[in-house]
Amino acid sequence: MSRTIAHGTVALIGLLAMLPASPAQAQTLPGPPPRAGLDLPSAPGTALGSVPAGTPATLGAGASAPALVDGNVTLSGRRFSLVLACHGRGRLTVTAPGVVGGTVAAGRYRCAHGRATVRLTAGRTTAGRLERHAPVTAQVTLAHTRLTFLLGAHRSAPAFWTDGHLQCGPQSFLVEPDFTTRAPTEISTRGWIAWEPATGGWHWLGDGRWDAWTATATGIAQFHPGGAVQPTPWTWGPITAPAGAGIRAVGVYEIVYWVGGRPVYRWEYVNAGTTGAAAAGSGTLACTLP
């Protein structure tokens, strides 16, 4: 069961499973999907009448574009550092829309052997706002690329939806969580796959489409045709990657709960395995495609 929201309130009160991260995972998580919380649908839309067929996806294209090695960045006083997988050199700008007006920090980067570490300093007033709202969804723009990350994130066990999953194997799929609400509620959902090539740096694959559903106390209505107990969720895939490329992948789902006509936004990772983390009793966030 995924998080539950009380109808008519903005308080999410469902169970949230927490995943103990391995040291490698804690260092290399992708952070939030592109423009998390900023690129929301303007209205709930018309709920789908049934679950559409999944669409194929391919990972691997665009690996030469700049990417963040870590999407969770610690803020130490006024200072923070970004580690980039990149080539070339140039100028970058960090912003935090909705929290800080204007620029958080700016600097220059120079990539050597596919990496660059950029140390940045925010102004005193800006740093105070970031600290009060931490963690903040921030964006870095460089080389005509905009990357999203969490600024002010502390190293702790990452959170994930308690069902839905990313299955990596000969046939790989991203399976949507069966979101629940106390009373029937319109929701909008969007899935992403973050992928990391052997050279490092997290890239994102998603079609940008928000799907409209009806969440109920027993799950998404369209996933339970005729009141079926076992859900038939929407599944994105099959997902393919170049064989033997060592690509790691993480599944992410965004959701907007439409409460009183207003959007309530959340995003979380999904378990990387053959089932949801809650059902399995444990799980991992990343898996490697064969």
C-alpha atoms as a PDB file:
ATOM      1  CA  MET A   1       0.000   0.000   0.000  1.00  0.00           C
ATOM      2  CA  SER A   2       1.307   3.416  -0.874  1.00  0.00           C
ATOM      3  CA  ARG A   3       0.917   6.565   1.184  1.00  0.00           C
ATOM      4  CA  THR A   4      -2.619   7.561   2.123  1.00  0.00           C
ATOM      5  CA  ILE A   5      -3.984  11.105   2.129  1.00  0.00           C
ATOM      6  CA  ALA A   6      -6.988  12.241   4.129  1.00  0.00           C
ATOM      7  CA  HIS A   7      -9.567  13.682   1.735  1.00  0.00           C
ATOM      8  CA  GLY A   8     -10.009  17.439   2.245  1.00  0.00           C
ATOM      9  CA  THR A   9      -6.663  17.884   4.023  1.00  0.00           C
ATOM     10  CA  VAL A  10      -3.069  18.179   2.962  1.00  0.00           C
ATOM     11  CA  ALA A  11      -1.713  15.723   5.570  1.00  0.00           C
ATOM     12  CA  LEU A  12      -0.270  12.515   4.148  1.00  0.00           C
ATOM     13  CA  ILE A  13      -0.825   9.887   6.837  1.00  0.00           C
ATOM     14  CA  GLY A  14      -0.111   6.515   5.220  1.00  0.00           C
ATOM     15  CA  LEU A  15       2.755   4.214   6.036  1.00  0.00           C
ATOM     16  CA  LEU A  16       6.128   5.187   4.544  1.00  0.00           C
ATOM     17  CA  ALA A  17       8.677   2.379   4.373  1.00  0.00           C
ATOM     18  CA  MET A  18      12.311   3.298   4.912  1.00  0.00           C
ATOM     19  CA  LEU A  19      15.123   1.476   3.147  1.00  0.00           C
ATOM     20  CA  PRO A  20      18.546   0.966   4.722  1.00  0.00           C
ATOM     21  CA  ALA A  21      20.996   2.177   2.079  1.00  0.00           C
ATOM     22  CA  SER A  22      24.331   0.602   1.353  1.00  0.00           C
ATOM     23  CA  PRO A  23      27.314   3.003   1.444  1.00  0.00           C
ATOM     24  CA  ALA A  24      27.501   2.970  -2.363  1.00  0.00           C
ATOM     25  CA  GLN A  25      23.821   3.813  -2.695  1.00  0.00           C
ATOM     26  CA  ALA A  26      24.076   6.606  -0.139  1.00  0.00           C
ATOM     27  CA  GLN A  27      26.812   8.216  -2.227  1.00  0.00           C
ATOM     28  CA  THR A  28      25.262   7.852  -5.664  1.00  0.00           C
ATOM     29  CA  LEU A  29      21.479   8.369  -5.507  1.00  0.00           C
ATOM     30  CA  PRO A  30      19.960  10.443  -8.308  1.00  0.00           C
ATOM     31  CA  GLY A  31      17.874  12.783  -6.146  1.00  0.00           C
ATOM     32  CA  PRO A  32      14.534  14.182  -7.383  1.00  0.00           C
ATOM     33  CA  PRO A  33      13.312  13.872 -10.984  1.00  0.00           C
ATOM     34  CA  PRO A  34      13.643  16.844 -13.358  1.00  0.00           C
ATOM     35  CA  ARG A  35      11.840  19.971 -12.073  1.00  0.00           C
ATOM     36  CA  ALA A  36      10.291  18.044  -9.193  1.00  0.00           C
ATOM     37  CA  GLY A  37       7.335  19.966  -7.779  1.00  0.00           C
ATOM     38  CA  LEU A  38       7.699  22.720 -10.371  1.00  0.00           C
ATOM     39  CA  ASP A  39       6.329  21.098 -13.521  1.00  0.00           C
ATOM     40  CA  LEU A  40       2.836  20.198 -12.293  1.00  0.00           C
ATOM     41  CA  PRO A  41      -0.304  19.663 -14.363  1.00  0.00           C
ATOM     42  CA  SER A  42      -2.653  22.642 -14.415  1.00  0.00           C
ATOM     43  CA  ALA A  43      -5.684  20.483 -13.574  1.00  0.00           C
ATOM     44  CA  PRO A  44      -6.393  16.862 -12.647  1.00  0.00           C
ATOM     45  CA  GLY A  45      -7.535  15.966 -16.135  1.00  0.00           C
ATOM     46  CA  THR A  46     -10.002  13.215 -17.009  1.00  0.00           C
ATOM     47  CA  ALA A  47      -9.281   9.967 -15.207  1.00  0.00           C
ATOM     48  CA  LEU A  48      -8.356   7.097 -17.497  1.00  0.00           C
ATOM     49  CA  GLY A  49     -11.100   4.532 -17.932  1.00  0.00           C
ATOM     50  CA  SER A  50      -8.703   1.605 -18.021  1.00  0.00           C
ATOM     51  CA  VAL A  51      -5.012   0.783 -17.841  1.00  0.00           C
ATOM     52  CA  PRO A  52      -3.314   1.438 -21.209  1.00  0.00           C
ATOM     53  CA  ALA A  53      -0.630  -0.767 -22.664  1.00  0.00           C
ATOM     54  CA  GLY A  54       2.937  -0.035 -21.654  1.00  0.00           C
ATOM     55  CA  THR A  55       5.387   1.569 -24.041  1.00  0.00           C
ATOM     56  CA  PRO A  56       8.966   0.394 -24.712  1.00  0.00           C
ATOM     57  CA  ALA A  57      11.915   2.465 -23.462  1.00  0.00           C
ATOM     58  CA  THR A  58      15.634   2.370 -24.144  1.00  0.00           C
ATOM     59  CA  LEU A  59      18.390   3.542 -21.789  1.00  0.00           C
ATOM     60  CA  GLY A  60      21.814   4.660 -22.932  1.00  0.00           C
ATOM     61  CA  ALA A  61      21.308   7.619 -25.269  1.00  0.00           C
ATOM     62  CA  GLY A  62      22.642  10.987 -24.095  1.00  0.00           C
ATOM     63  CA  ALA A  63      25.311   9.593 -21.778  1.00  0.00           C
ATOM     64  CA  SER A  64      27.729  12.284 -22.955  1.00  0.00           C
ATOM     65  CA  ALA A  65      25.545  15.100 -21.563  1.00  0.00           C
ATOM     66  CA  PRO A  66      26.551  16.664 -18.222  1.00  0.00           C
ATOM     67  CA  ALA A  67      25.129  14.814 -15.219  1.00  0.00           C
ATOM     68  CA  LEU A  68      25.268  14.940 -11.437  1.00  0.00           C
ATOM     69  CA  VAL A  69      27.181  12.138  -9.758  1.00  0.00           C
ATOM     70  CA  ASP A  70      25.068  12.683  -6.626  1.00  0.00           C
ATOM     71  CA  GLY A  71      21.591  14.222  -6.544  1.00  0.00           C
ATOM     72  CA  ASN A  72      21.616  14.739  -2.760  1.00  0.00           C
ATOM     73  CA  VAL A  73      23.892  17.620  -1.768  1.00  0.00           C
ATOM     74  CA  THR A  74      24.835  18.617   1.780  1.00  0.00           C
ATOM     75  CA  LEU A  75      24.751  22.292   2.762  1.00  0.00           C
ATOM     76  CA  SER A  76      27.466  23.176   5.267  1.00  0.00           C
ATOM     77  CA  GLY A  77      26.777  26.673   6.483  1.00  0.00           C
ATOM     78  CA  ARG A  78      26.883  28.699   3.277  1.00  0.00           C
ATOM     79  CA  ARG A  79      28.913  26.180   1.286  1.00  0.00           C
ATOM     80  CA  PHE A  80      28.090  23.161  -0.861  1.00  0.00           C
ATOM     81  CA  SER A  81      29.771  21.184  -3.633  1.00  0.00           C
ATOM     82  CA  LEU A  82      28.478  19.659  -6.855  1.00  0.00           C
ATOM     83  CA  VAL A  83      30.245  16.685  -8.448  1.00  0.00           C
ATOM     84  CA  LEU A  84      29.677  16.508 -12.194  1.00  0.00           C
ATOM     85  CA  ALA A  85      30.228  13.813 -14.776  1.00  0.00           C
ATOM     86  CA  CYS A  86      31.107  16.013 -17.718  1.00  0.00           C
ATOM     87  CA  HIS A  87      33.437  17.127 -20.481  1.00  0.00           C
ATOM     88  CA  GLY A  88      34.642  20.605 -21.301  1.00  0.00           C
ATOM     89  CA  ARG A  89      34.420  23.727 -19.208  1.00  0.00           C
ATOM     90  CA  GLY A  90      32.096  26.650 -18.650  1.00  0.00           C
ATOM     91  CA  ARG A  91      29.916  28.525 -16.199  1.00  0.00           C
ATOM     92  CA  LEU A  92      27.073  27.172 -14.093  1.00  0.00           C
ATOM     93  CA  THR A  93      24.239  28.740 -12.106  1.00  0.00           C
ATOM     94  CA  VAL A  94      22.283  27.273  -9.194  1.00  0.00           C
ATOM     95  CA  THR A  95      18.693  28.310  -8.436  1.00  0.00           C
ATOM     96  CA  ALA A  96      16.002  27.140  -6.022  1.00  0.00           C
ATOM     97  CA  PRO A  97      12.654  28.231  -7.527  1.00  0.00           C
ATOM     98  CA  GLY A  98       9.908  28.813  -4.999  1.00  0.00           C
ATOM     99  CA  VAL A  99      12.352  29.225  -2.110  1.00  0.00           C
ATOM    100  CA  VAL A 100      14.971  31.716  -3.253  1.00  0.00           C
ATOM    101  CA  GLY A 101      14.362  34.483  -5.765  1.00  0.00           C
ATOM    102  CA  GLY A 102      17.183  34.775  -8.249  1.00  0.00           C
ATOM    103  CA  THR A 103      20.483  32.908  -8.084  1.00  0.00           C
ATOM    104  CA  VAL A 104      21.614  30.771  -5.154  1.00  0.00           C
ATOM    105  CA  ALA A 105      25.214  30.597  -6.333  1.00  0.00           C
ATOM    106  CA  ALA A 106      27.251  30.660  -9.528  1.00  0.00           C
ATOM    107  CA  GLY A 107      30.694  29.492 -10.539  1.00  0.00           C
ATOM    108  CA  ARG A 108      32.845  27.907 -13.189  1.00  0.00           C
ATOM    109  CA  TYR A 109      33.605  24.262 -13.867  1.00  0.00           C
ATOM    110  CA  ARG A 110      36.431  22.541 -15.686  1.00  0.00           C
ATOM    111  CA  CYS A 111      36.154  18.835 -16.387  1.00  0.00           C
ATOM    112  CA  ALA A 112      39.188  16.564 -16.252  1.00  0.00           C
ATOM    113  CA  HIS A 113      39.010  12.826 -16.903  1.00  0.00           C
ATOM    114  CA  GLY A 114      35.230  13.056 -17.019  1.00  0.00           C
ATOM    115  CA  ARG A 115      34.761  14.739 -13.629  1.00  0.00           C
ATOM    116  CA  ALA A 116      34.519  18.181 -12.065  1.00  0.00           C
ATOM    117  CA  THR A 117      33.952  19.182  -8.447  1.00  0.00           C
ATOM    118  CA  VAL A 118      32.540  22.686  -8.123  1.00  0.00           C
ATOM    119  CA  ARG A 119      32.611  24.368  -4.704  1.00  0.00           C
ATOM    120  CA  LEU A 120      29.981  27.051  -4.304  1.00  0.00           C
ATOM    121  CA  THR A 121      29.000  29.588  -1.650  1.00  0.00           C
ATOM    122  CA  ALA A 122      25.537  31.058  -1.124  1.00  0.00           C
ATOM    123  CA  GLY A 123      24.949  34.553   0.259  1.00  0.00           C
ATOM    124  CA  ARG A 124      24.181  34.824   3.966  1.00  0.00           C
ATOM    125  CA  THR A 125      20.501  35.631   3.533  1.00  0.00           C
ATOM    126  CA  THR A 126      20.094  32.963   0.856  1.00  0.00           C
ATOM    127  CA  ALA A 127      21.840  30.337   2.992  1.00  0.00           C
ATOM    128  CA  GLY A 128      19.496  31.141   5.873  1.00  0.00           C
ATOM    129  CA  ARG A 129      16.442  30.571   3.686  1.00  0.00           C
ATOM    130  CA  LEU A 130      17.881  27.323   2.359  1.00  0.00           C
ATOM    131  CA  GLU A 131      18.575  26.075   5.869  1.00  0.00           C
ATOM    132  CA  ARG A 132      15.052  26.893   7.052  1.00  0.00           C
ATOM    133  CA  HIS A 133      13.459  25.046   4.126  1.00  0.00           C
ATOM    134  CA  ALA A 134      15.983  22.203   3.773  1.00  0.00           C
ATOM    135  CA  PRO A 135      16.030  19.990   1.899  1.00  0.00           C
ATOM    136  CA  VAL A 136      15.287  22.264  -1.050  1.00  0.00           C
ATOM    137  CA  THR A 137      14.706  21.197  -4.646  1.00  0.00           C
ATOM    138  CA  ALA A 138      17.402  23.107  -6.536  1.00  0.00           C
ATOM    139  CA  GLN A 139      18.571  23.262 -10.127  1.00  0.00           C
ATOM    140  CA  VAL A 140      21.958  23.732 -11.740  1.00  0.00           C
ATOM    141  CA  THR A 141      22.141  25.013 -15.308  1.00  0.00           C
ATOM    142  CA  LEU A 142      25.244  24.434 -17.419  1.00  0.00           C
ATOM    143  CA  ALA A 143      26.060  23.799 -21.074  1.00  0.00           C
ATOM    144  CA  HIS A 144      22.377  24.224 -22.042  1.00  0.00           C
ATOM    145  CA  THR A 145      21.470  21.464 -19.549  1.00  0.00           C
ATOM    146  CA  ARG A 146      19.349  21.856 -16.410  1.00  0.00           C
ATOM    147  CA  LEU A 147      19.804  19.288 -13.630  1.00  0.00           C
ATOM    148  CA  THR A 148      17.680  18.917 -10.485  1.00  0.00           C
ATOM    149  CA  PHE A 149      19.041  17.981  -7.043  1.00  0.00           C
ATOM    150  CA  LEU A 150      18.206  18.161  -3.341  1.00  0.00           C
ATOM    151  CA  LEU A 151      20.170  20.861  -1.532  1.00  0.00           C
ATOM    152  CA  GLY A 152      20.518  20.583   2.222  1.00  0.00           C
ATOM    153  CA  ALA A 153      19.848  16.843   2.201  1.00  0.00           C
ATOM    154  CA  HIS A 154      21.256  14.901   5.146  1.00  0.00           C
ATOM    155  CA  ARG A 155      22.726  11.431   4.759  1.00  0.00           C
ATOM    156  CA  SER A 156      19.984   9.137   5.982  1.00  0.00           C
ATOM    157  CA  ALA A 157      18.085   6.111   4.747  1.00  0.00           C
ATOM    158  CA  PRO A 158      16.215   7.163   1.578  1.00  0.00           C
ATOM    159  CA  ALA A 159      12.451   6.816   1.415  1.00  0.00           C
ATOM    160  CA  PHE A 160      10.486   4.901  -1.179  1.00  0.00           C
ATOM    161  CA  TRP A 161       6.889   4.042  -2.042  1.00  0.00           C
ATOM    162  CA  THR A 162       5.766   0.879  -0.301  1.00  0.00           C
ATOM    163  CA  ASP A 163       4.700  -0.796  -3.522  1.00  0.00           C
ATOM    164  CA  GLY A 164       5.365  -0.445  -7.213  1.00  0.00           C
ATOM    165  CA  HIS A 165       8.809  -1.536  -8.346  1.00  0.00           C
ATOM    166  CA  LEU A 166      11.514  -1.438 -10.977  1.00  0.00           C
ATOM    167  CA  GLN A 167      12.286  -4.893 -12.312  1.00  0.00           C
ATOM    168  CA  CYS A 168      15.692  -5.320 -13.952  1.00  0.00           C
ATOM    169  CA  GLY A 169      16.257  -8.450 -15.980  1.00  0.00           C
ATOM    170  CA  PRO A 170      15.948  -9.872 -19.468  1.00  0.00           C
ATOM    171  CA  GLN A 171      12.518  -8.215 -19.414  1.00  0.00           C
ATOM    172  CA  SER A 172      12.699  -4.976 -17.410  1.00  0.00           C
ATOM    173  CA  PHE A 173       9.676  -2.901 -16.340  1.00  0.00           C
ATOM    174  CA  LEU A 174       8.739   0.059 -14.145  1.00  0.00           C
ATOM    175  CA  VAL A 175       5.517  -0.821 -12.301  1.00  0.00           C
ATOM    176  CA  GLU A 176       3.380   2.009 -10.891  1.00  0.00           C
ATOM    177  CA  PRO A 177       2.473   2.005  -7.173  1.00  0.00           C
ATOM    178  CA  ASP A 178      -1.159   1.309  -6.308  1.00  0.00           C
ATOM    179  CA  PHE A 179      -1.775   4.662  -4.583  1.00  0.00           C
ATOM    180  CA  THR A 180      -4.497   4.820  -1.909  1.00  0.00           C
ATOM    181  CA  THR A 181      -6.607   7.599  -0.363  1.00  0.00           C
ATOM    182  CA  ARG A 182      -9.199   7.494   2.424  1.00  0.00           C
ATOM    183  CA  ALA A 183     -11.931   8.690   0.073  1.00  0.00           C
ATOM    184  CA  PRO A 184     -12.032   8.637  -3.750  1.00  0.00           C
ATOM    185  CA  THR A 185      -9.575  11.307  -4.909  1.00  0.00           C
ATOM    186  CA  GLU A 186      -8.373  12.457  -8.291  1.00  0.00           C
ATOM    187  CA  ILE A 187      -4.639  11.988  -8.708  1.00  0.00           C
ATOM    188  CA  SER A 188      -2.034  12.627 -11.395  1.00  0.00           C
ATOM    189  CA  THR A 189       1.046  10.403 -11.608  1.00  0.00           C
ATOM    190  CA  ARG A 190       4.261  10.341 -13.614  1.00  0.00           C
ATOM    191  CA  GLY A 191       7.047   7.767 -13.727  1.00  0.00           C
ATOM    192  CA  TRP A 192      10.776   8.198 -14.327  1.00  0.00           C
ATOM    193  CA  ILE A 193      13.853   6.046 -14.596  1.00  0.00           C
ATOM    194  CA  ALA A 194      17.177   7.455 -13.453  1.00  0.00           C
ATOM    195  CA  TRP A 195      20.095   5.623 -15.017  1.00  0.00           C
ATOM    196  CA  GLU A 196      23.826   5.717 -14.472  1.00  0.00           C
ATOM    197  CA  PRO A 197      26.361   4.459 -17.024  1.00  0.00           C
ATOM    198  CA  ALA A 198      29.586   2.801 -15.941  1.00  0.00           C
ATOM    199  CA  THR A 199      31.316   6.189 -16.318  1.00  0.00           C
ATOM    200  CA  GLY A 200      29.010   7.649 -13.647  1.00  0.00           C
ATOM    201  CA  GLY A 201      26.513  10.499 -13.455  1.00  0.00           C
ATOM    202  CA  TRP A 202      22.720  10.162 -13.250  1.00  0.00           C
ATOM    203  CA  HIS A 203      20.591  10.710 -16.358  1.00  0.00           C
ATOM    204  CA  TRP A 204      16.794  10.704 -16.571  1.00  0.00           C
ATOM    205  CA  LEU A 205      14.326   9.025 -18.904  1.00  0.00           C
ATOM    206  CA  GLY A 206      10.649  10.033 -18.910  1.00  0.00           C
ATOM    207  CA  ASP A 207       8.089  11.195 -21.427  1.00  0.00           C
ATOM    208  CA  GLY A 208       6.826  14.074 -19.256  1.00  0.00           C
ATOM    209  CA  ARG A 209       3.249  12.814 -19.396  1.00  0.00           C
ATOM    210  CA  TRP A 210       0.978  13.027 -16.358  1.00  0.00           C
ATOM    211  CA  ASP A 211      -1.614  10.235 -16.160  1.00  0.00           C
ATOM    212  CA  ALA A 212      -4.940  10.890 -14.413  1.00  0.00           C
ATOM    213  CA  TRP A 213      -6.417   8.203 -12.159  1.00  0.00           C
ATOM    214  CA  THR A 214      -8.913   7.800  -9.307  1.00  0.00           C
ATOM    215  CA  ALA A 215      -7.376   6.694  -6.011  1.00  0.00           C
ATOM    216  CA  THR A 216      -9.539   4.932  -3.420  1.00  0.00           C
ATOM    217  CA  ALA A 217      -9.084   3.249  -0.048  1.00  0.00           C
ATOM    218  CA  THR A 218      -8.203  -0.001  -1.826  1.00  0.00           C
ATOM    219  CA  GLY A 219      -5.940   1.489  -4.494  1.00  0.00           C
ATOM    220  CA  ILE A 220      -6.276   3.053  -7.930  1.00  0.00           C
ATOM    221  CA  ALA A 221      -9.761   2.192  -9.168  1.00  0.00           C
ATOM    222  CA  GLN A 222      -8.586   1.456 -12.710  1.00  0.00           C
ATOM    223  CA  PHE A 223      -6.083  -1.077 -11.332  1.00  0.00           C
ATOM    224  CA  HIS A 224      -8.941  -3.067  -9.748  1.00  0.00           C
ATOM    225  CA  PRO A 225     -11.518  -3.639 -12.538  1.00  0.00           C
ATOM    226  CA  GLY A 226     -14.771  -5.081 -11.214  1.00  0.00           C
ATOM    227  CA  GLY A 227     -13.496  -4.742  -7.652  1.00  0.00           C
ATOM    228  CA  ALA A 228     -10.647  -7.225  -8.151  1.00  0.00           C
ATOM    229  CA  VAL A 229      -8.450  -7.517  -5.070  1.00  0.00           C
ATOM    230  CA  GLN A 230      -5.218  -8.128  -6.999  1.00  0.00           C
ATOM    231  CA  PRO A 231      -4.213  -4.958  -8.889  1.00  0.00           C
ATOM    232  CA  THR A 232      -3.295  -4.835 -12.556  1.00  0.00           C
ATOM    233  CA  PRO A 233      -1.099  -1.718 -12.501  1.00  0.00           C
ATOM    234  CA  TRP A 234       0.203   0.409 -15.325  1.00  0.00           C
ATOM    235  CA  THR A 235       3.611  -0.845 -16.424  1.00  0.00           C
ATOM    236  CA  TRP A 236       6.238   1.034 -18.422  1.00  0.00           C
ATOM    237  CA  GLY A 237       8.367  -1.222 -20.568  1.00  0.00           C
ATOM    238  CA  PRO A 238       9.967  -3.344 -21.697  1.00  0.00           C
ATOM    239  CA  ILE A 239      13.052  -1.297 -20.856  1.00  0.00           C
ATOM    240  CA  THR A 240      16.250  -2.164 -22.679  1.00  0.00           C
ATOM    241  CA  ALA A 241      19.873  -1.083 -22.459  1.00  0.00           C
ATOM    242  CA  PRO A 242      23.061  -1.941 -24.344  1.00  0.00           C
ATOM    243  CA  ALA A 243      24.030  -5.476 -23.267  1.00  0.00           C
ATOM    244  CA  GLY A 244      26.868  -5.624 -20.768  1.00  0.00           C
ATOM    245  CA  ALA A 245      27.083  -1.837 -20.398  1.00  0.00           C
ATOM    246  CA  GLY A 246      26.731  -2.017 -16.610  1.00  0.00           C
ATOM    247  CA  ILE A 247      23.928   0.552 -16.474  1.00  0.00           C
ATOM    248  CA  ARG A 248      22.416   1.033 -13.005  1.00  0.00           C
ATOM    249  CA  ALA A 249      18.793   2.139 -12.830  1.00  0.00           C
ATOM    250  CA  VAL A 250      16.465   3.611 -10.203  1.00  0.00           C
ATOM    251  CA  GLY A 251      12.685   3.955 -10.533  1.00  0.00           C
ATOM    252  CA  VAL A 252      10.888   7.094  -9.337  1.00  0.00           C
ATOM    253  CA  TYR A 253       7.211   8.033  -9.187  1.00  0.00           C
ATOM    254  CA  GLU A 254       5.692  11.481  -8.769  1.00  0.00           C
ATOM    255  CA  ILE A 255       2.116  11.997  -7.630  1.00  0.00           C
ATOM    256  CA  VAL A 256      -0.220  14.965  -7.321  1.00  0.00           C
ATOM    257  CA  TYR A 257      -3.194  14.516  -4.983  1.00  0.00           C
ATOM    258  CA  TRP A 258      -5.955  16.942  -5.972  1.00  0.00           C
ATOM    259  CA  VAL A 259      -7.388  18.048  -2.631  1.00  0.00           C
ATOM    260  CA  GLY A 260     -10.111  20.674  -2.819  1.00  0.00           C
ATOM    261  CA  GLY A 261      -8.911  21.544  -6.311  1.00  0.00           C
ATOM    262  CA  ARG A 262      -5.370  22.198  -5.090  1.00  0.00           C
ATOM    263  CA  PRO A 263      -2.329  20.036  -5.903  1.00  0.00           C
ATOM    264  CA  VAL A 264      -0.447  18.219  -3.117  1.00  0.00           C
ATOM    265  CA  TYR A 265       2.825  16.927  -4.539  1.00  0.00           C
ATOM    266  CA  ARG A 266       5.143  14.077  -3.523  1.00  0.00           C
ATOM    267  CA  TRP A 267       7.855  11.973  -5.122  1.00  0.00           C
ATOM    268  CA  GLU A 268       9.667   8.849  -3.935  1.00  0.00           C
ATOM    269  CA  TYR A 269      11.825   6.031  -5.253  1.00  0.00           C
ATOM    270  CA  VAL A 270      10.418   2.541  -5.857  1.00  0.00           C
ATOM    271  CA  ASN A 271      11.967  -0.778  -4.883  1.00  0.00           C
ATOM    272  CA  ALA A 272      14.310  -2.338  -7.432  1.00  0.00           C
ATOM    273  CA  GLY A 273      13.201  -5.941  -7.463  1.00  0.00           C
ATOM    274  CA  THR A 274      10.411  -8.230  -8.542  1.00  0.00           C
ATOM    275  CA  THR A 275       7.890  -6.851  -6.066  1.00  0.00           C
ATOM    276  CA  GLY A 276       7.157  -3.848  -3.876  1.00  0.00           C
ATOM    277  CA  ALA A 277       9.458  -3.297  -0.917  1.00  0.00           C
ATOM    278  CA  ALA A 278       6.673  -3.618   1.652  1.00  0.00           C
ATOM    279  CA  ALA A 279       5.563  -6.961   0.245  1.00  0.00           C
ATOM    280  CA  ALA A 280       9.126  -8.221   0.080  1.00  0.00           C
ATOM    281  CA  GLY A 281       9.981  -7.034   3.581  1.00  0.00           C
ATOM    282  CA  SER A 282      13.159  -5.376   2.326  1.00  0.00           C
ATOM    283  CA  GLY A 283      14.547  -4.029  -0.909  1.00  0.00           C
ATOM    284  CA  THR A 284      17.096  -2.033  -2.824  1.00  0.00           C
ATOM    285  CA  LEU A 285      16.824   1.207  -4.740  1.00  0.00           C
ATOM    286  CA  ALA A 286      19.111   0.458  -7.696  1.00  0.00           C
ATOM    287  CA  CYS A 287      19.608  -2.519  -9.958  1.00  0.00           C
ATOM    288  CA  THR A 288      21.879  -3.213 -12.910  1.00  0.00           C
ATOM    289  CA  LEU A 289      20.435  -3.989 -16.302  1.00  0.00           C
ATOM    290  CA  PRO A 290      21.932  -7.048 -17.999  1.00  0.00           C
END
